Amino acid sequence: MKTTSSYLYGFSATLKSLRLLVAVYLGYLFVGLLLAVPFYGLFLSASGHSELPDLLMKGFDATAIRELLAGGGKAFGFYLQSFWPWIFALLLFQVYLNGGIFYWVANPRGKFSFVLFHAHARKFFWRYLKLMVYFLITHLIIGLILYLPYMLTVGMNDGLTDQQLMRPLIVIMGIHLVLLVFIFILSDLSKSRLFEQDSRKVLKTIWKCLKIAIKRFFPTFFLGLLLLIIPLVIFGGFYLLRKAIVVDTTFAILLVFVLQQVVIFLRVGIRIWRLASVYRYNLYLTSSN
């Protein structure tokens, strides 16, 4: 019951978050344009204003890609190297948003304030950055524990059949999927508790949330599954629509662009929904312990 009520609370909070939605979406749009505009100019320059861009817009074309790389491979290589700082900046931007979003989902009935949003985003930035690093290390360790023994076993046994190769891999991937759902919800619980208790003790907070999440594993895991359903439906629907559209006219290009922006806008809404749901669920857990 607490799981479903938390989930519905997140949906309700999202419906009250139009100004926040627009503000965060515009932030993503601005960062996206900073990345896309120079790349598009380089793309046209490397193609020599030929028909290669048109061929690629219609779908994957290996011949066109080889010709494009042959004509501007060095330029693309330089751009991709300079692209990494922007990726890192986008990651930091994602972390920065967390404190501001939690400020809002904790008080969704008040008037949204950009000043308070950025004040909380700055206040919790370093704590959430530390938390992200800890969970990235956790994902790396889990990946090594799960897949390294399998890779070593396969490497030492050349005579294994396809069935012998795939069965343990499917089991490992299934275990990994369960752990991923649990770790992602644990990460959000930790963010929520750091905010709610205004704590600077990141590792201690993670440990406390881990003990509570293990104690209440099934409702916590179920909430994680619920929060995955809507994103999967949206991205699956976008994939099918995008696959069905042949981008060979100005209208088709515009339609794909609009669909992409709708998906980005919905992703922002889903993030608010997720954090609001976890925040409410964390309050339930706190009150019952």
C-alpha atoms as a PDB file:
ATOM      1  CA  MET A   1       0.000   0.000   0.000  1.00  0.00           C
ATOM      2  CA  LYS A   2       2.799   2.412   0.871  1.00  0.00           C
ATOM      3  CA  THR A   3       4.475   1.544  -2.428  1.00  0.00           C
ATOM      4  CA  THR A   4       1.441   2.341  -4.585  1.00  0.00           C
ATOM      5  CA  SER A   5       0.532   5.468  -2.590  1.00  0.00           C
ATOM      6  CA  SER A   6       4.120   6.734  -2.983  1.00  0.00           C
ATOM      7  CA  TYR A   7       3.958   6.017  -6.704  1.00  0.00           C
ATOM      8  CA  LEU A   8       0.670   7.908  -7.080  1.00  0.00           C
ATOM      9  CA  TYR A   9       1.996  10.775  -4.955  1.00  0.00           C
ATOM     10  CA  GLY A  10       4.906  11.114  -7.387  1.00  0.00           C
ATOM     11  CA  PHE A  11       2.475  11.333 -10.302  1.00  0.00           C
ATOM     12  CA  SER A  12       0.401  13.975  -8.495  1.00  0.00           C
ATOM     13  CA  ALA A  13       3.518  16.013  -7.660  1.00  0.00           C
ATOM     14  CA  THR A  14       4.619  15.883 -11.296  1.00  0.00           C
ATOM     15  CA  LEU A  15       1.283  17.297 -12.478  1.00  0.00           C
ATOM     16  CA  LYS A  16       1.879  20.291 -10.186  1.00  0.00           C
ATOM     17  CA  SER A  17       5.386  20.879 -11.520  1.00  0.00           C
ATOM     18  CA  LEU A  18       4.833  22.599 -14.887  1.00  0.00           C
ATOM     19  CA  ARG A  19       7.205  25.517 -14.215  1.00  0.00           C
ATOM     20  CA  LEU A  20       9.885  23.145 -12.958  1.00  0.00           C
ATOM     21  CA  LEU A  21       9.366  20.902 -15.985  1.00  0.00           C
ATOM     22  CA  VAL A  22       9.766  23.788 -18.401  1.00  0.00           C
ATOM     23  CA  ALA A  23      12.812  25.186 -16.592  1.00  0.00           C
ATOM     24  CA  VAL A  24      14.675  21.859 -16.551  1.00  0.00           C
ATOM     25  CA  TYR A  25      13.666  21.083 -20.150  1.00  0.00           C
ATOM     26  CA  LEU A  26      15.033  24.445 -21.341  1.00  0.00           C
ATOM     27  CA  GLY A  27      18.271  23.672 -19.502  1.00  0.00           C
ATOM     28  CA  TYR A  28      18.585  20.359 -21.357  1.00  0.00           C
ATOM     29  CA  LEU A  29      17.704  22.060 -24.655  1.00  0.00           C
ATOM     30  CA  PHE A  30      20.409  24.683 -24.128  1.00  0.00           C
ATOM     31  CA  VAL A  31      23.063  22.044 -23.346  1.00  0.00           C
ATOM     32  CA  GLY A  32      21.886  19.961 -26.308  1.00  0.00           C
ATOM     33  CA  LEU A  33      22.225  22.896 -28.700  1.00  0.00           C
ATOM     34  CA  LEU A  34      25.744  23.598 -27.415  1.00  0.00           C
ATOM     35  CA  LEU A  35      26.635  20.035 -28.427  1.00  0.00           C
ATOM     36  CA  ALA A  36      24.617  19.716 -31.627  1.00  0.00           C
ATOM     37  CA  VAL A  37      25.300  23.009 -33.434  1.00  0.00           C
ATOM     38  CA  PRO A  38      29.095  22.663 -33.791  1.00  0.00           C
ATOM     39  CA  PHE A  39      28.747  18.968 -34.622  1.00  0.00           C
ATOM     40  CA  TYR A  40      26.225  19.701 -37.378  1.00  0.00           C
ATOM     41  CA  GLY A  41      28.528  22.335 -38.900  1.00  0.00           C
ATOM     42  CA  LEU A  42      31.447  19.880 -38.848  1.00  0.00           C
ATOM     43  CA  PHE A  43      29.163  17.195 -40.304  1.00  0.00           C
ATOM     44  CA  LEU A  44      28.280  19.366 -43.314  1.00  0.00           C
ATOM     45  CA  SER A  45      31.872  20.500 -43.776  1.00  0.00           C
ATOM     46  CA  ALA A  46      33.247  16.943 -43.648  1.00  0.00           C
ATOM     47  CA  SER A  47      30.631  15.748 -46.136  1.00  0.00           C
ATOM     48  CA  GLY A  48      31.654  18.455 -48.601  1.00  0.00           C
ATOM     49  CA  HIS A  49      27.974  19.423 -48.911  1.00  0.00           C
ATOM     50  CA  SER A  50      27.370  16.164 -50.793  1.00  0.00           C
ATOM     51  CA  GLU A  51      24.362  13.844 -50.588  1.00  0.00           C
ATOM     52  CA  LEU A  52      25.905  11.850 -47.707  1.00  0.00           C
ATOM     53  CA  PRO A  53      23.876  13.602 -44.966  1.00  0.00           C
ATOM     54  CA  ASP A  54      20.670  12.834 -46.858  1.00  0.00           C
ATOM     55  CA  LEU A  55      21.651   9.164 -47.138  1.00  0.00           C
ATOM     56  CA  LEU A  56      22.361   8.930 -43.412  1.00  0.00           C
ATOM     57  CA  MET A  57      19.122  10.652 -42.490  1.00  0.00           C
ATOM     58  CA  LYS A  58      17.219   7.794 -44.137  1.00  0.00           C
ATOM     59  CA  GLY A  59      18.903   5.215 -41.934  1.00  0.00           C
ATOM     60  CA  PHE A  60      22.172   3.421 -41.272  1.00  0.00           C
ATOM     61  CA  ASP A  61      24.343   3.325 -44.386  1.00  0.00           C
ATOM     62  CA  ALA A  62      27.788   1.782 -43.871  1.00  0.00           C
ATOM     63  CA  THR A  63      29.109   2.986 -47.246  1.00  0.00           C
ATOM     64  CA  ALA A  64      28.059   6.583 -46.559  1.00  0.00           C
ATOM     65  CA  ILE A  65      29.634   6.470 -43.082  1.00  0.00           C
ATOM     66  CA  ARG A  66      32.942   5.173 -44.517  1.00  0.00           C
ATOM     67  CA  GLU A  67      33.002   7.961 -47.108  1.00  0.00           C
ATOM     68  CA  LEU A  68      32.204  10.547 -44.468  1.00  0.00           C
ATOM     69  CA  LEU A  69      34.968   9.329 -42.145  1.00  0.00           C
ATOM     70  CA  ALA A  70      37.424   9.195 -45.043  1.00  0.00           C
ATOM     71  CA  GLY A  71      36.677  12.831 -45.862  1.00  0.00           C
ATOM     72  CA  GLY A  72      36.628  14.212 -42.330  1.00  0.00           C
ATOM     73  CA  GLY A  73      37.918  11.488 -40.040  1.00  0.00           C
ATOM     74  CA  LYS A  74      40.583  13.614 -38.375  1.00  0.00           C
ATOM     75  CA  ALA A  75      38.160  16.466 -37.811  1.00  0.00           C
ATOM     76  CA  PHE A  76      35.616  14.092 -36.320  1.00  0.00           C
ATOM     77  CA  GLY A  77      38.284  12.515 -34.134  1.00  0.00           C
ATOM     78  CA  PHE A  78      39.273  15.914 -32.798  1.00  0.00           C
ATOM     79  CA  TYR A  79      35.641  16.816 -32.168  1.00  0.00           C
ATOM     80  CA  LEU A  80      34.907  13.553 -30.379  1.00  0.00           C
ATOM     81  CA  GLN A  81      37.923  14.095 -28.125  1.00  0.00           C
ATOM     82  CA  SER A  82      36.658  17.577 -27.257  1.00  0.00           C
ATOM     83  CA  PHE A  83      33.175  16.089 -26.812  1.00  0.00           C
ATOM     84  CA  TRP A  84      34.064  14.304 -23.555  1.00  0.00           C
ATOM     85  CA  PRO A  85      34.262  17.479 -21.413  1.00  0.00           C
ATOM     86  CA  TRP A  86      30.740  18.321 -22.548  1.00  0.00           C
ATOM     87  CA  ILE A  87      29.538  14.850 -21.601  1.00  0.00           C
ATOM     88  CA  PHE A  88      31.134  15.320 -18.191  1.00  0.00           C
ATOM     89  CA  ALA A  89      29.501  18.765 -17.901  1.00  0.00           C
ATOM     90  CA  LEU A  90      26.114  17.230 -18.760  1.00  0.00           C
ATOM     91  CA  LEU A  91      26.658  14.608 -16.050  1.00  0.00           C
ATOM     92  CA  LEU A  92      27.431  17.343 -13.519  1.00  0.00           C
ATOM     93  CA  PHE A  93      24.323  19.199 -14.673  1.00  0.00           C
ATOM     94  CA  GLN A  94      22.282  16.066 -13.935  1.00  0.00           C
ATOM     95  CA  VAL A  95      23.759  15.879 -10.433  1.00  0.00           C
ATOM     96  CA  TYR A  96      23.169  19.602  -9.877  1.00  0.00           C
ATOM     97  CA  LEU A  97      19.455  19.259 -10.622  1.00  0.00           C
ATOM     98  CA  ASN A  98      18.833  16.719  -7.842  1.00  0.00           C
ATOM     99  CA  GLY A  99      18.868  19.155  -4.911  1.00  0.00           C
ATOM    100  CA  GLY A 100      16.560  21.569  -6.701  1.00  0.00           C
ATOM    101  CA  ILE A 101      14.091  18.857  -7.669  1.00  0.00           C
ATOM    102  CA  PHE A 102      13.992  17.520  -4.115  1.00  0.00           C
ATOM    103  CA  TYR A 103      13.345  21.069  -2.849  1.00  0.00           C
ATOM    104  CA  TRP A 104      10.270  21.137  -5.049  1.00  0.00           C
ATOM    105  CA  VAL A 105       8.898  17.632  -4.482  1.00  0.00           C
ATOM    106  CA  ALA A 106       9.157  18.185  -0.723  1.00  0.00           C
ATOM    107  CA  ASN A 107       6.933  21.296  -1.054  1.00  0.00           C
ATOM    108  CA  PRO A 108       4.854  20.913  -4.245  1.00  0.00           C
ATOM    109  CA  ARG A 109       1.948  23.036  -3.029  1.00  0.00           C
ATOM    110  CA  GLY A 110       3.946  26.237  -2.704  1.00  0.00           C
ATOM    111  CA  LYS A 111       4.881  28.656  -5.477  1.00  0.00           C
ATOM    112  CA  PHE A 112       7.906  27.457  -7.445  1.00  0.00           C
ATOM    113  CA  SER A 113      10.971  29.635  -6.882  1.00  0.00           C
ATOM    114  CA  PHE A 114      14.017  29.596  -9.190  1.00  0.00           C
ATOM    115  CA  VAL A 115      16.080  31.185  -6.416  1.00  0.00           C
ATOM    116  CA  LEU A 116      15.259  28.410  -3.926  1.00  0.00           C
ATOM    117  CA  PHE A 117      15.679  25.770  -6.635  1.00  0.00           C
ATOM    118  CA  HIS A 118      19.254  26.853  -7.377  1.00  0.00           C
ATOM    119  CA  ALA A 119      20.031  27.425  -3.690  1.00  0.00           C
ATOM    120  CA  HIS A 120      19.175  23.797  -2.872  1.00  0.00           C
ATOM    121  CA  ALA A 121      20.871  22.541  -6.042  1.00  0.00           C
ATOM    122  CA  ARG A 122      24.126  24.247  -4.981  1.00  0.00           C
ATOM    123  CA  LYS A 123      23.775  23.167  -1.362  1.00  0.00           C
ATOM    124  CA  PHE A 124      23.494  19.450  -2.119  1.00  0.00           C
ATOM    125  CA  PHE A 125      25.684  19.306  -5.239  1.00  0.00           C
ATOM    126  CA  TRP A 126      28.859  17.934  -3.630  1.00  0.00           C
ATOM    127  CA  ARG A 127      26.955  15.436  -1.506  1.00  0.00           C
ATOM    128  CA  TYR A 128      25.132  14.054  -4.546  1.00  0.00           C
ATOM    129  CA  LEU A 129      28.344  14.055  -6.573  1.00  0.00           C
ATOM    130  CA  LYS A 130      30.021  11.910  -3.898  1.00  0.00           C
ATOM    131  CA  LEU A 131      26.995   9.631  -3.846  1.00  0.00           C
ATOM    132  CA  MET A 132      27.148   9.236  -7.639  1.00  0.00           C
ATOM    133  CA  VAL A 133      30.839   8.289  -7.478  1.00  0.00           C
ATOM    134  CA  TYR A 134      30.161   5.688  -4.776  1.00  0.00           C
ATOM    135  CA  PHE A 135      27.388   4.092  -6.815  1.00  0.00           C
ATOM    136  CA  LEU A 136      29.461   4.127 -10.019  1.00  0.00           C
ATOM    137  CA  ILE A 137      32.137   2.199  -8.118  1.00  0.00           C
ATOM    138  CA  THR A 138      29.418  -0.163  -6.843  1.00  0.00           C
ATOM    139  CA  HIS A 139      28.208  -0.831 -10.411  1.00  0.00           C
ATOM    140  CA  LEU A 140      31.777  -1.508 -11.527  1.00  0.00           C
ATOM    141  CA  ILE A 141      32.428  -3.956  -8.674  1.00  0.00           C
ATOM    142  CA  ILE A 142      29.150  -5.794  -9.280  1.00  0.00           C
ATOM    143  CA  GLY A 143      29.917  -6.040 -12.997  1.00  0.00           C
ATOM    144  CA  LEU A 144      33.327  -7.522 -12.270  1.00  0.00           C
ATOM    145  CA  ILE A 145      31.940  -9.992  -9.710  1.00  0.00           C
ATOM    146  CA  LEU A 146      29.193 -11.177 -12.066  1.00  0.00           C
ATOM    147  CA  TYR A 147      30.919 -11.268 -15.448  1.00  0.00           C
ATOM    148  CA  LEU A 148      34.645 -11.777 -14.796  1.00  0.00           C
ATOM    149  CA  PRO A 149      34.311 -15.413 -13.585  1.00  0.00           C
ATOM    150  CA  TYR A 150      32.084 -16.166 -16.591  1.00  0.00           C
ATOM    151  CA  MET A 151      34.569 -14.623 -19.036  1.00  0.00           C
ATOM    152  CA  LEU A 152      37.473 -16.512 -17.467  1.00  0.00           C
ATOM    153  CA  THR A 153      35.522 -19.788 -17.581  1.00  0.00           C
ATOM    154  CA  VAL A 154      34.584 -19.281 -21.234  1.00  0.00           C
ATOM    155  CA  GLY A 155      38.155 -18.316 -22.087  1.00  0.00           C
ATOM    156  CA  MET A 156      39.511 -21.547 -20.581  1.00  0.00           C
ATOM    157  CA  ASN A 157      36.915 -23.819 -22.265  1.00  0.00           C
ATOM    158  CA  ASP A 158      36.976 -23.662 -26.058  1.00  0.00           C
ATOM    159  CA  GLY A 159      34.705 -26.651 -26.574  1.00  0.00           C
ATOM    160  CA  LEU A 160      31.538 -25.250 -24.961  1.00  0.00           C
ATOM    161  CA  THR A 161      28.304 -25.439 -26.952  1.00  0.00           C
ATOM    162  CA  ASP A 162      26.075 -22.427 -27.604  1.00  0.00           C
ATOM    163  CA  GLN A 163      23.644 -23.709 -24.992  1.00  0.00           C
ATOM    164  CA  GLN A 164      26.397 -24.050 -22.398  1.00  0.00           C
ATOM    165  CA  LEU A 165      27.512 -20.505 -23.185  1.00  0.00           C
ATOM    166  CA  MET A 166      24.087 -18.859 -23.129  1.00  0.00           C
ATOM    167  CA  ARG A 167      22.400 -20.509 -20.137  1.00  0.00           C
ATOM    168  CA  PRO A 168      24.789 -19.176 -17.464  1.00  0.00           C
ATOM    169  CA  LEU A 169      24.954 -15.808 -19.247  1.00  0.00           C
ATOM    170  CA  ILE A 170      21.155 -15.465 -19.156  1.00  0.00           C
ATOM    171  CA  VAL A 171      21.155 -16.322 -15.424  1.00  0.00           C
ATOM    172  CA  ILE A 172      23.913 -13.767 -14.763  1.00  0.00           C
ATOM    173  CA  MET A 173      22.077 -11.089 -16.752  1.00  0.00           C
ATOM    174  CA  GLY A 174      18.869 -11.830 -14.844  1.00  0.00           C
ATOM    175  CA  ILE A 175      20.670 -11.445 -11.502  1.00  0.00           C
ATOM    176  CA  HIS A 176      22.307  -8.254 -12.781  1.00  0.00           C
ATOM    177  CA  LEU A 177      18.931  -6.815 -13.814  1.00  0.00           C
ATOM    178  CA  VAL A 178      17.478  -7.435 -10.347  1.00  0.00           C
ATOM    179  CA  LEU A 179      20.525  -5.828  -8.748  1.00  0.00           C
ATOM    180  CA  LEU A 180      20.327  -2.838 -11.101  1.00  0.00           C
ATOM    181  CA  VAL A 181      16.717  -2.124 -10.139  1.00  0.00           C
ATOM    182  CA  PHE A 182      17.572  -2.461  -6.454  1.00  0.00           C
ATOM    183  CA  ILE A 183      20.699  -0.285  -6.681  1.00  0.00           C
ATOM    184  CA  PHE A 184      18.928   2.477  -8.603  1.00  0.00           C
ATOM    185  CA  ILE A 185      16.117   2.657  -6.044  1.00  0.00           C
ATOM    186  CA  LEU A 186      18.726   2.509  -3.243  1.00  0.00           C
ATOM    187  CA  SER A 187      20.537   5.444  -4.866  1.00  0.00           C
ATOM    188  CA  ASP A 188      17.345   7.510  -4.955  1.00  0.00           C
ATOM    189  CA  LEU A 189      16.504   6.557  -1.364  1.00  0.00           C
ATOM    190  CA  SER A 190      19.955   7.755  -0.310  1.00  0.00           C
ATOM    191  CA  LYS A 191      19.495  11.049  -2.167  1.00  0.00           C
ATOM    192  CA  SER A 192      16.122  11.499  -0.516  1.00  0.00           C
ATOM    193  CA  ARG A 193      17.438  10.819   2.980  1.00  0.00           C
ATOM    194  CA  LEU A 194      20.431  13.123   2.478  1.00  0.00           C
ATOM    195  CA  PHE A 195      17.992  15.881   1.561  1.00  0.00           C
ATOM    196  CA  GLU A 196      15.355  15.152   4.188  1.00  0.00           C
ATOM    197  CA  GLN A 197      17.892  14.944   7.034  1.00  0.00           C
ATOM    198  CA  ASP A 198      20.208  17.595   5.548  1.00  0.00           C
ATOM    199  CA  SER A 199      23.075  15.185   6.195  1.00  0.00           C
ATOM    200  CA  ARG A 200      26.662  15.455   4.968  1.00  0.00           C
ATOM    201  CA  LYS A 201      27.506  11.854   5.890  1.00  0.00           C
ATOM    202  CA  VAL A 202      27.050  10.249   2.474  1.00  0.00           C
ATOM    203  CA  LEU A 203      28.467   6.782   3.174  1.00  0.00           C
ATOM    204  CA  LYS A 204      26.649   6.517   6.496  1.00  0.00           C
ATOM    205  CA  THR A 205      23.390   7.486   4.787  1.00  0.00           C
ATOM    206  CA  ILE A 206      23.891   4.882   2.061  1.00  0.00           C
ATOM    207  CA  TRP A 207      24.539   2.218   4.697  1.00  0.00           C
ATOM    208  CA  LYS A 208      21.391   3.115   6.647  1.00  0.00           C
ATOM    209  CA  CYS A 209      19.278   3.084   3.471  1.00  0.00           C
ATOM    210  CA  LEU A 210      20.793  -0.249   2.434  1.00  0.00           C
ATOM    211  CA  LYS A 211      19.814  -1.879   5.738  1.00  0.00           C
ATOM    212  CA  ILE A 212      16.255  -0.536   5.492  1.00  0.00           C
ATOM    213  CA  ALA A 213      15.944  -1.494   1.796  1.00  0.00           C
ATOM    214  CA  ILE A 214      17.109  -5.053   2.522  1.00  0.00           C
ATOM    215  CA  LYS A 215      14.711  -5.292   5.461  1.00  0.00           C
ATOM    216  CA  ARG A 216      11.858  -4.157   3.194  1.00  0.00           C
ATOM    217  CA  PHE A 217      13.232  -5.626  -0.008  1.00  0.00           C
ATOM    218  CA  PHE A 218      10.028  -6.622  -1.798  1.00  0.00           C
ATOM    219  CA  PRO A 219       8.058  -3.338  -1.472  1.00  0.00           C
ATOM    220  CA  THR A 220      11.242  -1.362  -2.259  1.00  0.00           C
ATOM    221  CA  PHE A 221      11.989  -3.495  -5.300  1.00  0.00           C
ATOM    222  CA  PHE A 222       8.364  -3.295  -6.412  1.00  0.00           C
ATOM    223  CA  LEU A 223       8.525   0.505  -6.332  1.00  0.00           C
ATOM    224  CA  GLY A 224      11.656   0.331  -8.479  1.00  0.00           C
ATOM    225  CA  LEU A 225       9.803  -1.838 -11.001  1.00  0.00           C
ATOM    226  CA  LEU A 226       6.813   0.525 -11.057  1.00  0.00           C
ATOM    227  CA  LEU A 227       9.106   3.461 -11.752  1.00  0.00           C
ATOM    228  CA  LEU A 228      10.602   1.572 -14.711  1.00  0.00           C
ATOM    229  CA  ILE A 229       7.313   0.826 -16.465  1.00  0.00           C
ATOM    230  CA  ILE A 230       6.460   4.308 -17.797  1.00  0.00           C
ATOM    231  CA  PRO A 231       9.982   5.081 -19.127  1.00  0.00           C
ATOM    232  CA  LEU A 232      10.098   1.722 -20.919  1.00  0.00           C
ATOM    233  CA  VAL A 233       6.694   2.333 -22.509  1.00  0.00           C
ATOM    234  CA  ILE A 234       7.654   5.842 -23.645  1.00  0.00           C
ATOM    235  CA  PHE A 235      11.058   4.903 -25.059  1.00  0.00           C
ATOM    236  CA  GLY A 236       9.654   1.780 -26.676  1.00  0.00           C
ATOM    237  CA  GLY A 237       6.884   3.825 -28.304  1.00  0.00           C
ATOM    238  CA  PHE A 238       9.383   6.434 -29.522  1.00  0.00           C
ATOM    239  CA  TYR A 239      11.636   3.716 -30.957  1.00  0.00           C
ATOM    240  CA  LEU A 240       8.756   2.182 -32.913  1.00  0.00           C
ATOM    241  CA  LEU A 241       7.605   5.565 -34.206  1.00  0.00           C
ATOM    242  CA  ARG A 242      11.124   6.605 -35.165  1.00  0.00           C
ATOM    243  CA  LYS A 243      11.691   3.313 -36.943  1.00  0.00           C
ATOM    244  CA  ALA A 244       8.486   3.771 -38.954  1.00  0.00           C
ATOM    245  CA  ILE A 245       9.372   7.308 -40.112  1.00  0.00           C
ATOM    246  CA  VAL A 246      11.561   7.654 -43.222  1.00  0.00           C
ATOM    247  CA  VAL A 247      13.410  10.928 -42.779  1.00  0.00           C
ATOM    248  CA  ASP A 248      13.573  12.111 -46.389  1.00  0.00           C
ATOM    249  CA  THR A 249      11.522  15.324 -46.302  1.00  0.00           C
ATOM    250  CA  THR A 250      11.600  18.576 -44.341  1.00  0.00           C
ATOM    251  CA  PHE A 251       8.319  17.647 -42.685  1.00  0.00           C
ATOM    252  CA  ALA A 252       9.711  14.259 -41.583  1.00  0.00           C
ATOM    253  CA  ILE A 253      12.814  15.929 -40.126  1.00  0.00           C
ATOM    254  CA  LEU A 254      10.617  18.392 -38.237  1.00  0.00           C
ATOM    255  CA  LEU A 255       8.369  15.575 -37.008  1.00  0.00           C
ATOM    256  CA  VAL A 256      11.334  13.573 -35.662  1.00  0.00           C
ATOM    257  CA  PHE A 257      12.690  16.699 -33.945  1.00  0.00           C
ATOM    258  CA  VAL A 258       9.321  17.375 -32.282  1.00  0.00           C
ATOM    259  CA  LEU A 259       9.055  13.739 -31.152  1.00  0.00           C
ATOM    260  CA  GLN A 260      12.552  13.920 -29.674  1.00  0.00           C
ATOM    261  CA  GLN A 261      11.681  17.079 -27.739  1.00  0.00           C
ATOM    262  CA  VAL A 262       8.471  15.486 -26.437  1.00  0.00           C
ATOM    263  CA  VAL A 263      10.478  12.485 -25.224  1.00  0.00           C
ATOM    264  CA  ILE A 264      13.018  14.764 -23.487  1.00  0.00           C
ATOM    265  CA  PHE A 265      10.177  16.703 -21.841  1.00  0.00           C
ATOM    266  CA  LEU A 266       8.584  13.446 -20.679  1.00  0.00           C
ATOM    267  CA  ARG A 267      11.957  12.241 -19.353  1.00  0.00           C
ATOM    268  CA  VAL A 268      12.131  15.336 -17.156  1.00  0.00           C
ATOM    269  CA  GLY A 269       8.614  14.628 -15.912  1.00  0.00           C
ATOM    270  CA  ILE A 270       9.504  10.998 -15.224  1.00  0.00           C
ATOM    271  CA  ARG A 271      12.526  12.093 -13.212  1.00  0.00           C
ATOM    272  CA  ILE A 272      10.368  14.356 -11.043  1.00  0.00           C
ATOM    273  CA  TRP A 273       7.838  11.526 -10.690  1.00  0.00           C
ATOM    274  CA  ARG A 274      10.584   9.106  -9.631  1.00  0.00           C
ATOM    275  CA  LEU A 275      12.209  11.376  -7.060  1.00  0.00           C
ATOM    276  CA  ALA A 276       8.861  12.503  -5.638  1.00  0.00           C
ATOM    277  CA  SER A 277       7.735   8.884  -5.263  1.00  0.00           C
ATOM    278  CA  VAL A 278      10.963   7.850  -3.561  1.00  0.00           C
ATOM    279  CA  TYR A 279      10.858  10.920  -1.306  1.00  0.00           C
ATOM    280  CA  ARG A 280       7.365   9.992  -0.082  1.00  0.00           C
ATOM    281  CA  TYR A 281       8.348   6.329   0.284  1.00  0.00           C
ATOM    282  CA  ASN A 282      11.395   7.348   2.316  1.00  0.00           C
ATOM    283  CA  LEU A 283       9.154   9.334   4.666  1.00  0.00           C
ATOM    284  CA  TYR A 284       7.059   6.191   5.201  1.00  0.00           C
ATOM    285  CA  LEU A 285      10.175   4.170   5.958  1.00  0.00           C
ATOM    286  CA  THR A 286      11.488   6.812   8.360  1.00  0.00           C
ATOM    287  CA  SER A 287       8.215   7.006  10.276  1.00  0.00           C
ATOM    288  CA  SER A 288       8.004   3.218  10.632  1.00  0.00           C
ATOM    289  CA  ASN A 289      11.555   2.793  11.951  1.00  0.00           C
END
